[in-house]
Structure formats: C-alpha cells, structure tokens
C-alpha atoms as a PDB file:
ATOM      1  CA  MET A   1      22.060   3.359   9.593  1.00  0.00           C
ATOM      2  CA  GLN A   2      18.330   3.216  10.372  1.00  0.00           C
ATOM      3  CA  TYR A   3      17.266   2.317   6.825  1.00  0.00           C
ATOM      4  CA  THR A   4      19.805  -0.536   6.655  1.00  0.00           C
ATOM      5  CA  ALA A   5      18.532  -1.903   9.959  1.00  0.00           C
ATOM      6  CA  HIS A   6      14.963  -1.803   8.667  1.00  0.00           C
ATOM      7  CA  ILE A   7      15.926  -3.711   5.530  1.00  0.00           C
ATOM      8  CA  ALA A   8      17.733  -6.348   7.619  1.00  0.00           C
ATOM      9  CA  VAL A   9      14.562  -6.819   9.672  1.00  0.00           C
ATOM     10  CA  PHE A  10      12.529  -7.040   6.493  1.00  0.00           C
ATOM     11  CA  LEU A  11      14.767  -9.702   4.916  1.00  0.00           C
ATOM     12  CA  CYS A  12      14.515 -11.880   8.023  1.00  0.00           C
ATOM     13  CA  PHE A  13      10.770 -11.447   7.940  1.00  0.00           C
ATOM     14  CA  VAL A  14      10.580 -12.471   4.281  1.00  0.00           C
ATOM     15  CA  GLN A  15      12.335 -15.751   5.053  1.00  0.00           C
ATOM     16  CA  TYR A  16       9.677 -16.440   7.674  1.00  0.00           C
ATOM     17  CA  ILE A  17       6.634 -15.721   5.507  1.00  0.00           C
ATOM     18  CA  ALA A  18       7.780 -16.761   2.029  1.00  0.00           C
ATOM     19  CA  HIS A  19       6.751 -20.405   2.216  1.00  0.00           C
ATOM     20  CA  ILE A  20       3.379 -19.480   3.761  1.00  0.00           C
ATOM     21  CA  PHE A  21       2.653 -16.764   1.222  1.00  0.00           C
ATOM     22  CA  PHE A  22       3.302 -18.754  -1.944  1.00  0.00           C
ATOM     23  CA  VAL A  23       1.033 -21.554  -0.721  1.00  0.00           C
ATOM     24  CA  THR A  24      -1.851 -19.316   0.308  1.00  0.00           C
ATOM     25  CA  TYR A  25      -1.710 -16.136  -1.779  1.00  0.00           C
ATOM     26  CA  PHE A  26      -3.474 -17.187  -4.949  1.00  0.00           C
ATOM     27  CA  MET A  27      -6.082 -19.145  -2.958  1.00  0.00           C
ATOM     28  CA  THR A  28      -7.021 -16.254  -0.708  1.00  0.00           C
ATOM     29  CA  GLN A  29      -6.697 -13.149  -2.915  1.00  0.00           C
ATOM     30  CA  SER A  30      -9.654 -10.869  -2.279  1.00  0.00           C
ATOM     31  CA  SER A  31     -11.745  -9.617  -5.195  1.00  0.00           C
ATOM     32  CA  THR A  32     -13.097  -6.659  -3.262  1.00  0.00           C
ATOM     33  CA  VAL A  33     -11.133  -3.430  -3.004  1.00  0.00           C
ATOM     34  CA  LEU A  34     -10.798  -2.151   0.549  1.00  0.00           C
ATOM     35  CA  GLN A  35     -13.498  -4.523   1.721  1.00  0.00           C
ATOM     36  CA  HIS A  36     -12.859  -3.942   5.433  1.00  0.00           C
ATOM     37  CA  VAL A  37     -11.958  -0.250   5.328  1.00  0.00           C
ATOM     38  CA  GLY A  38     -15.468   1.129   5.738  1.00  0.00           C
ATOM     39  CA  THR A  39     -16.248  -0.932   8.816  1.00  0.00           C
ATOM     40  CA  ASN A  40     -12.835  -0.226  10.351  1.00  0.00           C
ATOM     41  CA  ILE A  41     -12.978   3.526   9.790  1.00  0.00           C
ATOM     42  CA  ARG A  42     -16.490   3.817  11.169  1.00  0.00           C
ATOM     43  CA  SER A  43     -15.648   1.690  14.229  1.00  0.00           C
ATOM     44  CA  LEU A  44     -12.377   3.501  14.980  1.00  0.00           C
ATOM     45  CA  ARG A  45     -13.978   6.898  14.400  1.00  0.00           C
ATOM     46  CA  ASP A  46     -16.803   6.078  16.808  1.00  0.00           C
ATOM     47  CA  GLU A  47     -14.347   4.802  19.445  1.00  0.00           C
ATOM     48  CA  ARG A  48     -12.501   8.124  19.289  1.00  0.00           C
ATOM     49  CA  GLY A  49     -15.639  10.251  19.338  1.00  0.00           C
ATOM     50  CA  LEU A  50     -14.920  11.823  15.950  1.00  0.00           C
ATOM     51  CA  SER A  51     -17.554  12.934  13.476  1.00  0.00           C
ATOM     52  CA  GLN A  52     -17.035  12.343   9.779  1.00  0.00           C
ATOM     53  CA  GLN A  53     -16.233  16.055   9.432  1.00  0.00           C
ATOM     54  CA  ASP A  54     -13.695  15.919  12.307  1.00  0.00           C
ATOM     55  CA  LEU A  55     -11.881  13.005  10.694  1.00  0.00           C
ATOM     56  CA  ALA A  56     -12.005  14.602   7.258  1.00  0.00           C
ATOM     57  CA  ASP A  57     -10.574  17.903   8.512  1.00  0.00           C
ATOM     58  CA  GLN A  58      -7.704  16.261  10.381  1.00  0.00           C
ATOM     59  CA  ALA A  59      -6.835  13.894   7.521  1.00  0.00           C
ATOM     60  CA  GLY A  60      -7.032  16.554   4.817  1.00  0.00           C
ATOM     61  CA  VAL A  61      -9.870  14.957   2.834  1.00  0.00           C
ATOM     62  CA  SER A  62     -13.511  15.853   2.273  1.00  0.00           C
ATOM     63  CA  ARG A  63     -16.362  14.676   4.489  1.00  0.00           C
ATOM     64  CA  ARG A  64     -17.902  13.164   1.359  1.00  0.00           C
ATOM     65  CA  THR A  65     -14.790  10.985   0.953  1.00  0.00           C
ATOM     66  CA  ILE A  66     -15.127   9.684   4.520  1.00  0.00           C
ATOM     67  CA  ALA A  67     -18.811   8.975   3.999  1.00  0.00           C
ATOM     68  CA  ALA A  68     -18.095   7.164   0.736  1.00  0.00           C
ATOM     69  CA  LEU A  69     -15.320   5.095   2.331  1.00  0.00           C
ATOM     70  CA  GLU A  70     -17.578   4.026   5.178  1.00  0.00           C
ATOM     71  CA  THR A  71     -20.137   2.737   2.678  1.00  0.00           C
ATOM     72  CA  GLY A  72     -17.570   1.140   0.345  1.00  0.00           C
ATOM     73  CA  GLN A  73     -18.223   3.505  -2.542  1.00  0.00           C
ATOM     74  CA  VAL A  74     -14.762   4.932  -3.250  1.00  0.00           C
ATOM     75  CA  ASN A  75     -11.282   3.645  -4.162  1.00  0.00           C
ATOM     76  CA  ILE A  76      -9.115   6.239  -2.399  1.00  0.00           C
ATOM     77  CA  SER A  77      -5.402   6.874  -2.954  1.00  0.00           C
ATOM     78  CA  LEU A  78      -3.081   4.957  -0.633  1.00  0.00           C
ATOM     79  CA  ALA A  79      -1.512   8.168   0.712  1.00  0.00           C
ATOM     80  CA  LYS A  80      -4.898   9.605   1.734  1.00  0.00           C
ATOM     81  CA  LEU A  81      -5.916   6.317   3.310  1.00  0.00           C
ATOM     82  CA  ASP A  82      -2.688   6.316   5.303  1.00  0.00           C
ATOM     83  CA  ALA A  83      -3.404   9.897   6.445  1.00  0.00           C
ATOM     84  CA  ILE A  84      -6.769   8.718   7.763  1.00  0.00           C
ATOM     85  CA  ALA A  85      -5.060   5.847   9.589  1.00  0.00           C
ATOM     86  CA  VAL A  86      -2.650   8.301  11.243  1.00  0.00           C
ATOM     87  CA  VAL A  87      -5.521  10.447  12.533  1.00  0.00           C
ATOM     88  CA  LEU A  88      -7.232   7.348  13.909  1.00  0.00           C
ATOM     89  CA  GLY A  89      -3.994   6.313  15.631  1.00  0.00           C
ATOM     90  CA  VAL A  90      -3.511   2.999  13.816  1.00  0.00           C
ATOM     91  CA  ASP A  91      -1.165   1.700  11.130  1.00  0.00           C
ATOM     92  CA  PHE A  92      -2.146   1.052   7.514  1.00  0.00           C
ATOM     93  CA  ARG A  93      -2.414  -2.700   8.090  1.00  0.00           C
ATOM     94  CA  THR A  94      -5.033  -2.245  10.811  1.00  0.00           C
ATOM     95  CA  ILE A  95      -7.265  -0.028   8.720  1.00  0.00           C
ATOM     96  CA  VAL A  96      -7.371  -2.338   5.674  1.00  0.00           C
ATOM     97  CA  SER A  97      -7.419  -5.740   7.405  1.00  0.00           C
ATOM     98  CA  ALA A  98     -10.264  -7.902   8.572  1.00  0.00           C
ATOM     99  CA  PRO A  99     -10.717  -7.385  12.347  1.00  0.00           C
ATOM    100  CA  GLU A 100      -9.695 -10.969  13.080  1.00  0.00           C
ATOM    101  CA  LEU A 101      -6.380 -10.457  11.239  1.00  0.00           C
ATOM    102  CA  LYS A 102      -5.341  -7.130  12.758  1.00  0.00           C
ATOM    103  CA  GLU A 103      -2.660  -8.724  14.980  1.00  0.00           C
ATOM    104  CA  GLN A 104      -1.206 -10.925  12.228  1.00  0.00           C
ATOM    105  CA  ALA A 105       1.799 -10.061  10.054  1.00  0.00           C
ATOM    106  CA  LEU A 106       0.315 -11.690   6.933  1.00  0.00           C
ATOM    107  CA  VAL A 107      -2.475  -9.486   5.623  1.00  0.00           C
ATOM    108  CA  ASN A 108      -3.080 -10.193   1.885  1.00  0.00           C
ATOM    109  CA  VAL A 109      -5.603  -7.384   1.324  1.00  0.00           C
ATOM    110  CA  LEU A 110      -6.397  -5.765  -2.013  1.00  0.00           C
ATOM    111  CA  ALA A 111      -5.916  -2.048  -1.329  1.00  0.00           C
ATOM    112  CA  TRP A 112      -6.005  -0.406  -4.771  1.00  0.00           C
ATOM    113  CA  GLN A 113      -7.660  -1.311  -8.088  1.00  0.00           C
ATOM    114  CA  GLY A 114      -6.836   0.449 -11.345  1.00  0.00           C
ATOM    115  CA  ASN A 115      -9.182   1.188 -14.195  1.00  0.00           C
ATOM    116  CA  LYS A 116      -8.240  -2.134 -15.805  1.00  0.00           C
ATOM    117  CA  GLU A 117      -8.698  -5.526 -14.200  1.00  0.00           C
ATOM    118  CA  GLU A 118      -4.976  -6.357 -14.407  1.00  0.00           C
ATOM    119  CA  SER A 119      -3.965  -3.301 -12.333  1.00  0.00           C
ATOM    120  CA  SER A 120      -3.966  -3.709  -8.569  1.00  0.00           C
ATOM    121  CA  ALA A 121      -1.978  -3.307  -5.353  1.00  0.00           C
ATOM    122  CA  THR A 122      -2.142  -5.849  -2.558  1.00  0.00           C
ATOM    123  CA  LEU A 123      -0.671  -5.417   0.896  1.00  0.00           C
ATOM    124  CA  LEU A 124       0.809  -8.844   1.627  1.00  0.00           C
ATOM    125  CA  ALA A 125       2.303  -8.308   5.042  1.00  0.00           C
ATOM    126  CA  SER A 126       3.305  -5.705   7.585  1.00  0.00           C
ATOM    127  CA  VAL A 127       5.758  -6.132  10.429  1.00  0.00           C
ATOM    128  CA  PRO A 128       6.987  -3.634  13.034  1.00  0.00           C
ATOM    129  CA  SER A 129      10.638  -2.679  13.026  1.00  0.00           C
ATOM    130  CA  ARG A 130      11.643   0.510  14.786  1.00  0.00           C
ATOM    131  CA  SER A 131       8.484   1.779  13.131  1.00  0.00           C
ATOM    132  CA  GLN A 132       6.989  -0.309  10.299  1.00  0.00           C
ATOM    133  CA  VAL A 133       7.843  -2.399   7.218  1.00  0.00           C
ATOM    134  CA  GLU A 134       5.232  -3.310   4.582  1.00  0.00           C
ATOM    135  CA  LEU A 135       5.395  -5.890   1.784  1.00  0.00           C
ATOM    136  CA  TRP A 136       3.232  -5.330  -1.308  1.00  0.00           C
ATOM    137  CA  THR A 137       2.630  -7.016  -4.656  1.00  0.00           C
ATOM    138  CA  TRP A 138       1.602  -4.727  -7.529  1.00  0.00           C
ATOM    139  CA  SER A 139       0.415  -5.264 -11.089  1.00  0.00           C
ATOM    140  CA  LEU A 140      -0.271  -2.688 -13.804  1.00  0.00           C
ATOM    141  CA  ALA A 141      -1.988  -3.349 -17.108  1.00  0.00           C
ATOM    142  CA  VAL A 142      -0.419  -2.073 -20.328  1.00  0.00           C
ATOM    143  CA  GLY A 143      -0.764   1.722 -20.409  1.00  0.00           C
ATOM    144  CA  GLU A 144      -1.924   1.996 -16.790  1.00  0.00           C
ATOM    145  CA  SER A 145      -0.285   4.240 -14.201  1.00  0.00           C
ATOM    146  CA  TYR A 146      -0.569   5.103 -10.509  1.00  0.00           C
ATOM    147  CA  ILE A 147       0.185   8.633  -9.262  1.00  0.00           C
ATOM    148  CA  ALA A 148       1.561   8.514  -5.720  1.00  0.00           C
ATOM    149  CA  GLU A 149       1.443  11.446  -3.349  1.00  0.00           C
ATOM    150  CA  ALA A 150       4.610  12.298  -1.426  1.00  0.00           C
ATOM    151  CA  ASP A 151       5.083  10.358   1.812  1.00  0.00           C
ATOM    152  CA  ALA A 152       6.488  11.835   4.998  1.00  0.00           C
ATOM    153  CA  GLU A 153      10.203  12.532   5.310  1.00  0.00           C
ATOM    154  CA  GLY A 154      12.203   9.402   6.085  1.00  0.00           C
ATOM    155  CA  TRP A 155       9.980   6.973   4.152  1.00  0.00           C
ATOM    156  CA  GLN A 156      11.769   4.619   1.755  1.00  0.00           C
ATOM    157  CA  GLU A 157      10.646   2.202  -0.958  1.00  0.00           C
ATOM    158  CA  LEU A 158      12.459  -0.865  -2.250  1.00  0.00           C
ATOM    159  CA  ILE A 159      11.158  -2.173  -5.597  1.00  0.00           C
ATOM    160  CA  TYR A 160      11.766  -5.552  -7.248  1.00  0.00           C
ATOM    161  CA  VAL A 161      10.292  -6.123 -10.724  1.00  0.00           C
ATOM    162  CA  LEU A 162       9.013  -9.650 -11.369  1.00  0.00           C
ATOM    163  CA  GLU A 163       7.649  -9.331 -14.913  1.00  0.00           C
ATOM    164  CA  GLY A 164       7.627  -6.546 -17.484  1.00  0.00           C
ATOM    165  CA  GLU A 165       9.295  -3.166 -17.090  1.00  0.00           C
ATOM    166  CA  LEU A 166       8.446  -0.524 -14.497  1.00  0.00           C
ATOM    167  CA  THR A 167       8.883   3.163 -15.234  1.00  0.00           C
ATOM    168  CA  ILE A 168       8.959   5.483 -12.223  1.00  0.00           C
ATOM    169  CA  GLN A 169       8.491   9.122 -13.167  1.00  0.00           C
ATOM    170  CA  PHE A 170       9.740  11.732 -10.720  1.00  0.00           C
ATOM    171  CA  THR A 171       9.366  15.504 -11.049  1.00  0.00           C
ATOM    172  CA  ASP A 172      12.690  15.932 -12.838  1.00  0.00           C
ATOM    173  CA  SER A 173      13.760  12.407 -13.828  1.00  0.00           C
ATOM    174  CA  ILE A 174      12.618   8.967 -14.981  1.00  0.00           C
ATOM    175  CA  LYS A 175      13.837   5.580 -13.792  1.00  0.00           C
ATOM    176  CA  ILE A 176      13.217   2.434 -15.869  1.00  0.00           C
ATOM    177  CA  ILE A 177      13.465  -0.869 -13.983  1.00  0.00           C
ATOM    178  CA  PRO A 178      13.473  -4.109 -16.027  1.00  0.00           C
ATOM    179  CA  ALA A 179      12.395  -7.522 -14.759  1.00  0.00           C
ATOM    180  CA  GLY A 180      14.836  -9.012 -12.278  1.00  0.00           C
ATOM    181  CA  SER A 181      16.092  -5.598 -11.142  1.00  0.00           C
ATOM    182  CA  THR A 182      15.803  -3.726  -7.844  1.00  0.00           C
ATOM    183  CA  PHE A 183      15.546  -0.006  -7.146  1.00  0.00           C
ATOM    184  CA  SER A 184      15.252   1.923  -3.883  1.00  0.00           C
ATOM    185  CA  PHE A 185      14.345   5.567  -3.337  1.00  0.00           C
ATOM    186  CA  ALA A 186      13.099   8.068  -0.782  1.00  0.00           C
ATOM    187  CA  SER A 187       9.336   8.307  -1.300  1.00  0.00           C
ATOM    188  CA  SER A 188       8.915  11.749   0.294  1.00  0.00           C
ATOM    189  CA  VAL A 189       8.421  13.129  -3.249  1.00  0.00           C
ATOM    190  CA  THR A 190       5.643  12.870  -5.830  1.00  0.00           C
ATOM    191  CA  TYR A 191       6.162   9.994  -8.236  1.00  0.00           C
ATOM    192  CA  THR A 192       4.218   7.844 -10.699  1.00  0.00           C
ATOM    193  CA  TYR A 193       4.365   4.121 -11.470  1.00  0.00           C
ATOM    194  CA  ILE A 194       3.886   3.570 -15.215  1.00  0.00           C
ATOM    195  CA  ASN A 195       3.620   0.483 -17.404  1.00  0.00           C
ATOM    196  CA  SER A 196       4.903   1.650 -20.777  1.00  0.00           C
ATOM    197  CA  GLY A 197       5.637  -1.884 -21.942  1.00  0.00           C
ATOM    198  CA  ASN A 198       3.627  -4.392 -23.964  1.00  0.00           C
ATOM    199  CA  GLN A 199       2.773  -6.864 -21.172  1.00  0.00           C
ATOM    200  CA  VAL A 200       1.254  -6.821 -17.708  1.00  0.00           C
ATOM    201  CA  LEU A 201       3.763  -5.438 -15.198  1.00  0.00           C
ATOM    202  CA  LYS A 202       4.235  -7.225 -11.867  1.00  0.00           C
ATOM    203  CA  PHE A 203       6.495  -6.007  -9.092  1.00  0.00           C
ATOM    204  CA  MET A 204       7.110  -6.222  -5.357  1.00  0.00           C
ATOM    205  CA  ARG A 205       7.050  -3.014  -3.310  1.00  0.00           C
ATOM    206  CA  ASN A 206       8.555  -2.777   0.184  1.00  0.00           C
ATOM    207  CA  VAL A 207       7.763   0.320   2.219  1.00  0.00           C
ATOM    208  CA  VAL A 208       9.933   1.231   5.213  1.00  0.00           C
ATOM    209  CA  TYR A 209       8.869   4.042   7.566  1.00  0.00           C
END
C-alpha cells in the first residue's frame, strides 16, 4: 500500500535525523516567519518569466498577496503557499528554505506564526519518497487554532502529540488526541487544529503526499 510504504520511508528517515535534530533544533530556531519565502518566490518567478499577476492567477491568490509575500509583509496559509510552490514547479521545502539549504533534508524553518507567541509551525525536514514526506513541529497557545484548507486527494497526515491535548475539528466530527497519542487521517478535507486545553499544545505533524 502506497501510504504504508511512505511511512516506512519516513520512519527510516527519522532514525537518521533524530540525533542531529535534538542537538541543533533549539539552537537554530528562526525567529522570522517565512524569512526566505519572498526572495525565493521572486527569484523563481523571474526565472520562469511570470509576472506577479500570472503567478497569482495560477495559484488562486491575489496579486496583492504575491506582492506582500515578496516583501515579507504577510503570513500566508500553508495551503496557499504550497499552491504557489506547485505553480513555480518546486516543493514546499524549496520555497521556504534558505537557498544554501535547498538540497538538504533538514530544513528547520518557521513557516507559520499564530496570533500568540506560543503558536507556531516549523518545517523540520523533508525527504523524497515516491513523492514527498515532511516532518513538522507545531505549538498552539491556549485558545489558539489553525484552520487548514483541504489538501489534494491522496495526502495523509500522521500526528503525534507531545504535550497538551490536540482537538482536530472536521466538518462533521471532532477528534481529541491526548499527549502520547497518535492519529492519522486523509487531509483532503477542511479541518482545524484547536488547543482547547489549559497549557501550550505541542505536537509533531508528518505530511505524506
């Protein structure tokens, strides 16, 4: 089964990077959201001969959003940023990473910042399988949420909660995942991460597509 094969690849990859990550992560965590995105989008767009309007039309966003991204003035949703990456013909890792790290599996880039300081999403690593596997660390402050747009068909997420309790709200159901528990689901639907608890929520998010 394709999903099982992807997870097997991911688990092998985790063994390889785990010791590196826990030594370097807290020393290298970026404080700037999407710090390389503007430069990368502008460079890739120019290489492909696309105007800001061309890119916006093909990615399904406004030209103003592209302009704001290129000047570092907007914190866009991850789904929209991925749509831009698709139009530019690169993966998510390439569009958020420093140019010198674009060929490396370990990324460690802050890609989303909530309204509160404790809420964030960091892409830790990305490795190719038949298509791609991504490893993320997330945190949500008490009362914070993140509304995710539906991914393409075939995308899967595997969640592991480190601290607190994660609530995932789907259109017609709710899943509560306590610390130490794992949950997987097809992410080709709209869903929301919610911290309804009384402490900062921390969880690992693995995306397979």
